[in-house]
Amino acid sequence: MSLRTRLIIAAVGAGITVTVLGFGYWHATTHATLDVHLAQKMPMTSLNPPRSGHVEFLDETGTLLARATTDARHGVVWIAHPVRGACGPDLAQHAYRDCFKAHSEWIPSWVQRIRYANVTSGRCSTNHLPVKLAEYRDNLLLWWLPLPHVGGLPYTRYSATLTVNTRNCF
């Protein structure tokens, strides 16, 4: 094999590698998920079950970024897309896939600006609660592998933790 042929093969290989990694980086940057954890501070003697309620995510100036509902039945917080609404277990598979796609493209446009949340649950309402936001990026090197537990399109995964003091709410 000539030097010229080896250089062409190396250039094509490098081009494919850059393209695959570049697409993975682009997808992880423009598609995200948000997982919200509501932690309740309450007296140890209280056995009140968690209640369904509402969450509003705010930026540092108090501008509303997104709304969500808490679901005590499933123990989750459903983020509501402005057009598609929440992606819940009641959706058919194709509807859920379309809803998830819309959410994953919408979330990166505002999620990093979250600073506070207003949480309402039952008779309890807490405003300007600080939000602890963590960011994790899927593996950009292995996304293209067709394996069930390794590959798949990469996303940036955000996790927001809100600690609500419910001591005086019941």
N, C-alpha and C. Protein backbone atom coordinates (compact mmCIF):
# COMPACT_ATOMS: atom_id res chain seq x y z
N MET A 1 0.85 -1.17 0.00
CA MET A 1 0.00 0.00 0.00
C MET A 1 0.90 1.24 0.00
N SER A 2 0.59 2.14 -0.89
CA SER A 2 1.44 3.33 -1.03
C SER A 2 1.17 4.33 0.09
N LEU A 3 2.08 5.25 0.24
CA LEU A 3 1.96 6.30 1.24
C LEU A 3 0.72 7.15 0.97
N ARG A 4 0.48 7.45 -0.29
CA ARG A 4 -0.68 8.27 -0.67
C ARG A 4 -1.98 7.57 -0.25
N THR A 5 -2.09 6.28 -0.48
CA THR A 5 -3.28 5.52 -0.11
C THR A 5 -3.47 5.51 1.40
N ARG A 6 -2.40 5.34 2.14
CA ARG A 6 -2.47 5.36 3.60
C ARG A 6 -2.90 6.73 4.12
N LEU A 7 -2.40 7.77 3.50
CA LEU A 7 -2.81 9.13 3.91
C LEU A 7 -4.28 9.38 3.62
N ILE A 8 -4.75 8.89 2.49
CA ILE A 8 -6.17 9.05 2.15
C ILE A 8 -7.04 8.29 3.15
N ILE A 9 -6.65 7.06 3.46
CA ILE A 9 -7.40 6.26 4.43
C ILE A 9 -7.40 6.94 5.81
N ALA A 10 -6.25 7.47 6.21
CA ALA A 10 -6.14 8.17 7.49
C ALA A 10 -7.01 9.43 7.50
N ALA A 11 -7.01 10.17 6.39
CA ALA A 11 -7.82 11.39 6.30
C ALA A 11 -9.31 11.06 6.35
N VAL A 12 -9.73 10.02 5.66
CA VAL A 12 -11.14 9.61 5.67
C VAL A 12 -11.52 9.16 7.08
N GLY A 13 -10.67 8.37 7.72
CA GLY A 13 -10.93 7.93 9.10
C GLY A 13 -11.04 9.09 10.06
N ALA A 14 -10.13 10.05 9.94
CA ALA A 14 -10.17 11.24 10.79
C ALA A 14 -11.44 12.05 10.53
N GLY A 15 -11.82 12.15 9.26
CA GLY A 15 -13.04 12.89 8.91
C GLY A 15 -14.28 12.24 9.50
N ILE A 16 -14.35 10.92 9.42
CA ILE A 16 -15.49 10.20 9.99
C ILE A 16 -15.52 10.38 11.50
N THR A 17 -14.36 10.28 12.14
CA THR A 17 -14.28 10.44 13.60
C THR A 17 -14.73 11.83 14.02
N VAL A 18 -14.24 12.84 13.35
CA VAL A 18 -14.61 14.22 13.67
C VAL A 18 -16.10 14.44 13.44
N THR A 19 -16.65 13.88 12.37
CA THR A 19 -18.07 14.03 12.08
C THR A 19 -18.92 13.36 13.15
N VAL A 20 -18.58 12.13 13.53
CA VAL A 20 -19.33 11.40 14.54
C VAL A 20 -19.28 12.12 15.88
N LEU A 21 -18.09 12.50 16.31
CA LEU A 21 -17.95 13.20 17.59
C LEU A 21 -18.59 14.59 17.54
N GLY A 22 -18.46 15.26 16.41
CA GLY A 22 -19.07 16.59 16.26
C GLY A 22 -20.59 16.52 16.35
N PHE A 23 -21.19 15.51 15.68
CA PHE A 23 -22.63 15.36 15.75
C PHE A 23 -23.06 15.04 17.18
N GLY A 24 -22.31 14.16 17.85
CA GLY A 24 -22.63 13.83 19.24
C GLY A 24 -22.58 15.05 20.14
N TYR A 25 -21.55 15.87 19.97
CA TYR A 25 -21.43 17.09 20.77
C TYR A 25 -22.59 18.04 20.48
N TRP A 26 -22.91 18.21 19.20
CA TRP A 26 -24.03 19.08 18.82
C TRP A 26 -25.33 18.58 19.44
N HIS A 27 -25.59 17.28 19.35
CA HIS A 27 -26.84 16.75 19.88
C HIS A 27 -26.91 16.91 21.39
N ALA A 28 -25.82 16.64 22.09
CA ALA A 28 -25.82 16.79 23.55
C ALA A 28 -25.97 18.25 23.97
N THR A 29 -25.51 19.17 23.15
CA THR A 29 -25.62 20.59 23.46
C THR A 29 -27.02 21.13 23.20
N THR A 30 -27.69 20.59 22.21
CA THR A 30 -29.00 21.12 21.81
C THR A 30 -30.18 20.28 22.29
N HIS A 31 -29.92 19.19 23.00
CA HIS A 31 -30.99 18.33 23.51
C HIS A 31 -30.69 17.99 24.97
N ALA A 32 -31.69 18.17 25.83
CA ALA A 32 -31.47 17.96 27.26
C ALA A 32 -32.71 17.38 27.92
N THR A 33 -32.49 16.83 29.10
CA THR A 33 -33.58 16.39 29.96
C THR A 33 -33.43 17.10 31.31
N LEU A 34 -34.52 17.20 32.04
CA LEU A 34 -34.50 17.81 33.36
C LEU A 34 -35.26 16.90 34.32
N ASP A 35 -34.58 16.47 35.35
CA ASP A 35 -35.16 15.64 36.40
C ASP A 35 -35.24 16.51 37.65
N VAL A 36 -36.42 16.62 38.24
CA VAL A 36 -36.63 17.48 39.39
C VAL A 36 -36.88 16.63 40.63
N HIS A 37 -36.13 16.91 41.69
CA HIS A 37 -36.28 16.21 42.96
C HIS A 37 -36.82 17.18 43.99
N LEU A 38 -37.96 16.85 44.57
CA LEU A 38 -38.53 17.65 45.65
C LEU A 38 -38.22 16.96 46.97
N ALA A 39 -37.42 17.60 47.78
CA ALA A 39 -37.10 17.07 49.10
C ALA A 39 -37.91 17.87 50.12
N GLN A 40 -38.58 17.17 51.03
CA GLN A 40 -39.39 17.85 52.03
C GLN A 40 -38.72 17.79 53.39
N LYS A 41 -38.60 18.96 54.02
CA LYS A 41 -38.16 19.04 55.41
C LYS A 41 -39.43 19.09 56.24
N MET A 42 -39.65 18.06 57.03
CA MET A 42 -40.83 18.06 57.88
C MET A 42 -40.52 17.37 59.19
N PRO A 43 -41.32 17.61 60.23
CA PRO A 43 -41.07 16.97 61.51
C PRO A 43 -41.12 15.45 61.38
N MET A 44 -40.30 14.77 62.16
CA MET A 44 -40.24 13.31 62.10
C MET A 44 -41.56 12.66 62.49
N THR A 45 -42.38 13.32 63.32
CA THR A 45 -43.65 12.73 63.76
C THR A 45 -44.74 12.87 62.72
N SER A 46 -44.54 13.68 61.71
CA SER A 46 -45.56 13.91 60.70
C SER A 46 -45.57 12.78 59.68
N LEU A 47 -46.74 12.22 59.43
CA LEU A 47 -46.87 11.15 58.45
C LEU A 47 -47.72 11.60 57.27
N ASN A 48 -47.72 12.87 56.99
CA ASN A 48 -48.52 13.38 55.88
C ASN A 48 -47.92 12.92 54.56
N PRO A 49 -48.75 12.38 53.68
CA PRO A 49 -48.24 11.95 52.38
C PRO A 49 -47.93 13.16 51.50
N PRO A 50 -47.03 13.00 50.52
CA PRO A 50 -46.77 14.10 49.61
C PRO A 50 -48.04 14.42 48.83
N ARG A 51 -48.20 15.67 48.51
CA ARG A 51 -49.40 16.12 47.80
C ARG A 51 -49.02 16.59 46.39
N SER A 52 -50.01 16.52 45.53
CA SER A 52 -49.80 17.06 44.19
C SER A 52 -49.81 18.58 44.28
N GLY A 53 -49.08 19.22 43.38
CA GLY A 53 -49.00 20.67 43.42
C GLY A 53 -48.39 21.23 42.15
N HIS A 54 -47.85 22.43 42.26
CA HIS A 54 -47.31 23.14 41.11
C HIS A 54 -45.93 23.70 41.43
N VAL A 55 -45.10 23.80 40.40
CA VAL A 55 -43.77 24.37 40.53
C VAL A 55 -43.59 25.38 39.40
N GLU A 56 -43.04 26.53 39.72
CA GLU A 56 -42.66 27.53 38.72
C GLU A 56 -41.16 27.74 38.83
N PHE A 57 -40.46 27.65 37.72
CA PHE A 57 -39.01 27.88 37.70
C PHE A 57 -38.75 29.31 37.27
N LEU A 58 -37.87 29.99 38.02
CA LEU A 58 -37.60 31.41 37.80
C LEU A 58 -36.11 31.65 37.58
N ASP A 59 -35.80 32.72 36.84
CA ASP A 59 -34.40 33.12 36.70
C ASP A 59 -34.04 34.06 37.84
N GLU A 60 -32.84 34.65 37.80
CA GLU A 60 -32.39 35.49 38.91
C GLU A 60 -33.20 36.77 39.09
N THR A 61 -33.90 37.22 38.03
CA THR A 61 -34.73 38.42 38.15
C THR A 61 -36.17 38.10 38.52
N GLY A 62 -36.50 36.81 38.66
CA GLY A 62 -37.86 36.41 38.99
C GLY A 62 -38.74 36.16 37.78
N THR A 63 -38.16 36.18 36.59
CA THR A 63 -38.92 35.92 35.37
C THR A 63 -39.24 34.43 35.27
N LEU A 64 -40.50 34.13 34.94
CA LEU A 64 -40.94 32.75 34.82
C LEU A 64 -40.29 32.10 33.60
N LEU A 65 -39.64 30.95 33.82
CA LEU A 65 -39.01 30.20 32.75
C LEU A 65 -39.85 29.01 32.31
N ALA A 66 -40.43 28.31 33.27
CA ALA A 66 -41.22 27.12 32.96
C ALA A 66 -42.12 26.78 34.14
N ARG A 67 -43.15 26.01 33.84
CA ARG A 67 -44.07 25.52 34.86
C ARG A 67 -44.02 24.00 34.90
N ALA A 68 -44.39 23.46 36.05
CA ALA A 68 -44.43 22.01 36.20
C ALA A 68 -45.51 21.66 37.21
N THR A 69 -45.91 20.40 37.21
CA THR A 69 -46.84 19.91 38.22
C THR A 69 -46.19 18.75 38.95
N THR A 70 -46.50 18.66 40.24
CA THR A 70 -46.01 17.52 41.02
C THR A 70 -47.12 16.48 41.04
N ASP A 71 -46.73 15.24 40.94
CA ASP A 71 -47.69 14.15 40.87
C ASP A 71 -47.37 13.17 41.99
N ALA A 72 -48.15 13.25 43.08
CA ALA A 72 -47.91 12.37 44.23
C ALA A 72 -48.16 10.91 43.87
N ARG A 73 -49.06 10.67 42.93
CA ARG A 73 -49.39 9.29 42.55
C ARG A 73 -48.18 8.57 41.96
N HIS A 74 -47.42 9.28 41.10
CA HIS A 74 -46.26 8.68 40.46
C HIS A 74 -44.94 9.12 41.11
N GLY A 75 -45.00 10.11 42.00
CA GLY A 75 -43.80 10.59 42.68
C GLY A 75 -42.83 11.32 41.77
N VAL A 76 -43.37 12.07 40.79
CA VAL A 76 -42.52 12.78 39.84
C VAL A 76 -43.00 14.22 39.68
N VAL A 77 -42.15 15.00 39.03
CA VAL A 77 -42.50 16.37 38.65
C VAL A 77 -42.54 16.41 37.13
N TRP A 78 -43.69 16.77 36.57
CA TRP A 78 -43.87 16.82 35.11
C TRP A 78 -43.65 18.24 34.63
N ILE A 79 -42.60 18.47 33.86
CA ILE A 79 -42.34 19.77 33.25
C ILE A 79 -43.34 19.96 32.12
N ALA A 80 -43.94 21.14 32.03
CA ALA A 80 -44.95 21.40 31.01
C ALA A 80 -44.37 22.26 29.89
N HIS A 81 -44.25 21.68 28.71
CA HIS A 81 -43.84 22.42 27.51
C HIS A 81 -44.95 23.42 27.19
N PRO A 82 -44.59 24.63 26.73
CA PRO A 82 -45.61 25.65 26.48
C PRO A 82 -46.66 25.23 25.44
N VAL A 83 -46.32 24.35 24.53
CA VAL A 83 -47.26 23.92 23.51
C VAL A 83 -47.69 22.46 23.73
N ARG A 84 -46.74 21.58 23.97
CA ARG A 84 -47.01 20.14 24.07
C ARG A 84 -47.53 19.71 25.44
N GLY A 85 -47.33 20.51 26.47
CA GLY A 85 -47.74 20.11 27.81
C GLY A 85 -46.73 19.16 28.42
N ALA A 86 -47.20 18.33 29.34
CA ALA A 86 -46.33 17.38 30.03
C ALA A 86 -46.33 16.04 29.31
N CYS A 87 -45.20 15.36 29.37
CA CYS A 87 -45.08 14.01 28.80
C CYS A 87 -45.27 13.02 29.93
N GLY A 88 -46.44 12.44 30.02
CA GLY A 88 -46.72 11.53 31.12
C GLY A 88 -46.98 10.11 30.66
N PRO A 89 -47.26 9.23 31.61
CA PRO A 89 -47.45 7.81 31.30
C PRO A 89 -48.75 7.52 30.55
N ASP A 90 -49.64 8.49 30.47
CA ASP A 90 -50.91 8.25 29.80
C ASP A 90 -50.82 8.42 28.28
N LEU A 91 -49.68 8.89 27.77
CA LEU A 91 -49.54 9.09 26.33
C LEU A 91 -49.22 7.78 25.62
N ALA A 92 -49.72 7.66 24.40
CA ALA A 92 -49.35 6.51 23.57
C ALA A 92 -47.87 6.64 23.21
N GLN A 93 -47.27 5.54 22.78
CA GLN A 93 -45.82 5.52 22.53
C GLN A 93 -45.39 6.58 21.51
N HIS A 94 -46.09 6.70 20.39
CA HIS A 94 -45.69 7.69 19.39
C HIS A 94 -45.91 9.11 19.89
N ALA A 95 -46.97 9.34 20.65
CA ALA A 95 -47.23 10.67 21.20
C ALA A 95 -46.17 11.01 22.25
N TYR A 96 -45.77 10.02 23.06
CA TYR A 96 -44.72 10.26 24.05
C TYR A 96 -43.41 10.59 23.36
N ARG A 97 -43.07 9.87 22.30
CA ARG A 97 -41.82 10.12 21.57
C ARG A 97 -41.80 11.54 21.01
N ASP A 98 -42.91 11.99 20.43
CA ASP A 98 -43.00 13.36 19.89
C ASP A 98 -42.91 14.40 21.01
N CYS A 99 -43.56 14.11 22.13
CA CYS A 99 -43.54 15.02 23.28
C CYS A 99 -42.12 15.11 23.85
N PHE A 100 -41.46 13.96 24.01
CA PHE A 100 -40.10 13.95 24.53
C PHE A 100 -39.16 14.73 23.62
N LYS A 101 -39.30 14.59 22.32
CA LYS A 101 -38.47 15.32 21.37
C LYS A 101 -38.65 16.83 21.54
N ALA A 102 -39.90 17.27 21.64
CA ALA A 102 -40.19 18.70 21.83
C ALA A 102 -39.58 19.20 23.14
N HIS A 103 -39.73 18.43 24.22
CA HIS A 103 -39.16 18.83 25.51
C HIS A 103 -37.64 18.90 25.45
N SER A 104 -37.02 17.87 24.86
CA SER A 104 -35.55 17.82 24.86
C SER A 104 -34.94 18.95 24.04
N GLU A 105 -35.66 19.47 23.06
CA GLU A 105 -35.16 20.60 22.28
C GLU A 105 -35.46 21.93 22.96
N TRP A 106 -36.50 21.99 23.79
CA TRP A 106 -36.91 23.21 24.47
C TRP A 106 -36.12 23.45 25.75
N ILE A 107 -35.85 22.41 26.52
CA ILE A 107 -35.20 22.55 27.83
C ILE A 107 -33.86 23.28 27.77
N PRO A 108 -32.97 23.01 26.80
CA PRO A 108 -31.68 23.72 26.80
C PRO A 108 -31.81 25.24 26.62
N SER A 109 -32.94 25.71 26.13
CA SER A 109 -33.09 27.15 25.89
C SER A 109 -33.28 27.94 27.18
N TRP A 110 -33.57 27.29 28.30
CA TRP A 110 -33.82 28.03 29.53
C TRP A 110 -33.25 27.40 30.80
N VAL A 111 -32.94 26.12 30.79
CA VAL A 111 -32.65 25.41 32.02
C VAL A 111 -31.46 25.97 32.80
N GLN A 112 -30.42 26.42 32.12
CA GLN A 112 -29.24 26.92 32.84
C GLN A 112 -29.48 28.26 33.54
N ARG A 113 -30.58 28.90 33.24
CA ARG A 113 -30.90 30.17 33.89
C ARG A 113 -31.72 30.00 35.17
N ILE A 114 -32.10 28.76 35.51
CA ILE A 114 -32.90 28.53 36.73
C ILE A 114 -32.09 28.93 37.96
N ARG A 115 -32.71 29.74 38.81
CA ARG A 115 -32.09 30.10 40.08
C ARG A 115 -33.04 29.83 41.25
N TYR A 116 -34.35 30.01 41.01
CA TYR A 116 -35.34 29.88 42.07
C TYR A 116 -36.55 29.11 41.57
N ALA A 117 -37.36 28.69 42.54
CA ALA A 117 -38.63 28.04 42.20
C ALA A 117 -39.69 28.45 43.21
N ASN A 118 -40.91 28.56 42.73
CA ASN A 118 -42.08 28.72 43.60
C ASN A 118 -42.77 27.37 43.62
N VAL A 119 -43.01 26.85 44.83
CA VAL A 119 -43.62 25.53 44.97
C VAL A 119 -44.92 25.68 45.76
N THR A 120 -46.01 25.12 45.22
CA THR A 120 -47.30 25.11 45.89
C THR A 120 -47.77 23.67 45.97
N SER A 121 -48.10 23.25 47.19
CA SER A 121 -48.58 21.89 47.39
C SER A 121 -49.59 21.90 48.52
N GLY A 122 -50.82 21.58 48.22
CA GLY A 122 -51.86 21.63 49.25
C GLY A 122 -52.00 23.04 49.78
N ARG A 123 -51.92 23.19 51.10
CA ARG A 123 -52.00 24.52 51.73
C ARG A 123 -50.65 25.20 51.83
N CYS A 124 -49.62 24.54 51.36
CA CYS A 124 -48.26 25.04 51.51
C CYS A 124 -47.79 25.74 50.24
N SER A 125 -47.21 26.91 50.42
CA SER A 125 -46.67 27.65 49.29
C SER A 125 -45.34 28.26 49.71
N THR A 126 -44.31 28.01 48.91
CA THR A 126 -42.98 28.54 49.17
C THR A 126 -42.50 29.28 47.93
N ASN A 127 -42.11 30.54 48.11
CA ASN A 127 -41.66 31.35 46.98
C ASN A 127 -40.16 31.59 47.04
N HIS A 128 -39.57 31.75 45.87
CA HIS A 128 -38.14 32.03 45.70
C HIS A 128 -37.25 31.03 46.44
N LEU A 129 -37.59 29.78 46.29
CA LEU A 129 -36.80 28.69 46.87
C LEU A 129 -35.55 28.50 46.01
N PRO A 130 -34.36 28.51 46.60
CA PRO A 130 -33.15 28.30 45.79
C PRO A 130 -33.16 26.91 45.14
N VAL A 131 -32.70 26.84 43.91
CA VAL A 131 -32.65 25.58 43.17
C VAL A 131 -31.20 25.18 42.99
N LYS A 132 -30.90 23.94 43.37
CA LYS A 132 -29.57 23.38 43.16
C LYS A 132 -29.62 22.60 41.85
N LEU A 133 -28.88 23.08 40.85
CA LEU A 133 -28.91 22.48 39.52
C LEU A 133 -27.59 21.78 39.23
N ALA A 134 -27.68 20.53 38.85
CA ALA A 134 -26.49 19.75 38.47
C ALA A 134 -26.61 19.41 36.98
N GLU A 135 -25.46 19.30 36.32
CA GLU A 135 -25.42 19.03 34.88
C GLU A 135 -24.53 17.83 34.60
N TYR A 136 -25.03 16.90 33.79
CA TYR A 136 -24.28 15.72 33.39
C TYR A 136 -24.42 15.55 31.89
N ARG A 137 -23.34 15.24 31.23
CA ARG A 137 -23.40 15.04 29.78
C ARG A 137 -23.14 13.57 29.48
N ASP A 138 -23.99 13.01 28.60
CA ASP A 138 -23.78 11.62 28.18
C ASP A 138 -22.43 11.47 27.50
N ASN A 139 -21.94 10.25 27.45
CA ASN A 139 -20.64 9.95 26.85
C ASN A 139 -20.65 10.26 25.35
N LEU A 140 -19.81 11.19 24.95
CA LEU A 140 -19.75 11.59 23.54
C LEU A 140 -18.96 10.62 22.69
N LEU A 141 -18.18 9.75 23.30
CA LEU A 141 -17.34 8.84 22.53
C LEU A 141 -18.06 7.56 22.13
N LEU A 142 -19.09 7.18 22.87
CA LEU A 142 -19.72 5.89 22.63
C LEU A 142 -21.16 5.97 22.14
N TRP A 143 -21.67 7.16 21.84
CA TRP A 143 -23.08 7.30 21.50
C TRP A 143 -23.47 6.54 20.24
N TRP A 144 -22.57 6.33 19.34
CA TRP A 144 -22.86 5.74 18.04
C TRP A 144 -22.90 4.21 18.08
N LEU A 145 -22.49 3.60 19.19
CA LEU A 145 -22.48 2.14 19.29
C LEU A 145 -23.91 1.60 19.35
N PRO A 146 -24.22 0.59 18.56
CA PRO A 146 -25.59 0.04 18.55
C PRO A 146 -25.81 -1.00 19.65
N LEU A 147 -25.49 -0.64 20.88
CA LEU A 147 -25.66 -1.54 22.01
C LEU A 147 -26.73 -0.97 22.94
N PRO A 148 -27.58 -1.80 23.53
CA PRO A 148 -28.71 -1.29 24.31
C PRO A 148 -28.33 -0.48 25.55
N HIS A 149 -27.21 -0.79 26.20
CA HIS A 149 -26.87 -0.09 27.43
C HIS A 149 -25.67 0.84 27.28
N VAL A 150 -25.20 1.03 26.07
CA VAL A 150 -24.03 1.88 25.86
C VAL A 150 -24.37 3.01 24.90
N GLY A 151 -24.90 2.69 23.74
CA GLY A 151 -25.11 3.68 22.70
C GLY A 151 -26.37 4.50 22.90
N GLY A 152 -26.73 5.22 21.87
CA GLY A 152 -27.90 6.10 21.90
C GLY A 152 -27.48 7.54 21.78
N LEU A 153 -28.38 8.34 21.24
CA LEU A 153 -28.06 9.76 21.08
C LEU A 153 -27.73 10.40 22.43
N PRO A 154 -26.68 11.21 22.48
CA PRO A 154 -26.28 11.81 23.76
C PRO A 154 -27.14 13.03 24.10
N TYR A 155 -27.40 13.19 25.38
CA TYR A 155 -28.16 14.33 25.90
C TYR A 155 -27.36 14.96 27.02
N THR A 156 -27.68 16.20 27.33
CA THR A 156 -27.21 16.81 28.56
C THR A 156 -28.33 16.59 29.56
N ARG A 157 -28.00 16.03 30.68
CA ARG A 157 -29.01 15.69 31.69
C ARG A 157 -28.85 16.64 32.88
N TYR A 158 -29.92 17.35 33.16
CA TYR A 158 -29.93 18.28 34.29
C TYR A 158 -30.75 17.68 35.41
N SER A 159 -30.32 17.96 36.62
CA SER A 159 -31.03 17.51 37.80
C SER A 159 -31.20 18.72 38.73
N ALA A 160 -32.44 19.05 39.05
CA ALA A 160 -32.73 20.18 39.94
C ALA A 160 -33.26 19.63 41.26
N THR A 161 -32.70 20.12 42.35
CA THR A 161 -33.15 19.71 43.67
C THR A 161 -33.73 20.91 44.40
N LEU A 162 -34.95 20.74 44.91
CA LEU A 162 -35.64 21.78 45.67
C LEU A 162 -35.94 21.21 47.05
N THR A 163 -35.56 21.91 48.08
CA THR A 163 -35.84 21.47 49.45
C THR A 163 -36.91 22.38 50.03
N VAL A 164 -38.07 21.81 50.28
CA VAL A 164 -39.24 22.55 50.77
C VAL A 164 -39.44 22.26 52.24
N ASN A 165 -39.54 23.32 53.04
CA ASN A 165 -39.82 23.16 54.47
C ASN A 165 -41.33 23.15 54.66
N THR A 166 -41.88 22.00 54.97
CA THR A 166 -43.34 21.87 55.11
C THR A 166 -43.78 21.84 56.57
N ARG A 167 -42.92 22.26 57.47
CA ARG A 167 -43.21 22.21 58.90
C ARG A 167 -44.51 22.92 59.26
N ASN A 168 -44.78 24.08 58.68
CA ASN A 168 -45.94 24.87 59.07
C ASN A 168 -47.11 24.75 58.08
N CYS A 169 -47.08 23.74 57.24
CA CYS A 169 -48.08 23.64 56.19
C CYS A 169 -49.23 22.72 56.52
N PHE A 170 -49.15 21.94 57.58
CA PHE A 170 -50.18 20.94 57.81
C PHE A 170 -50.91 21.19 59.12
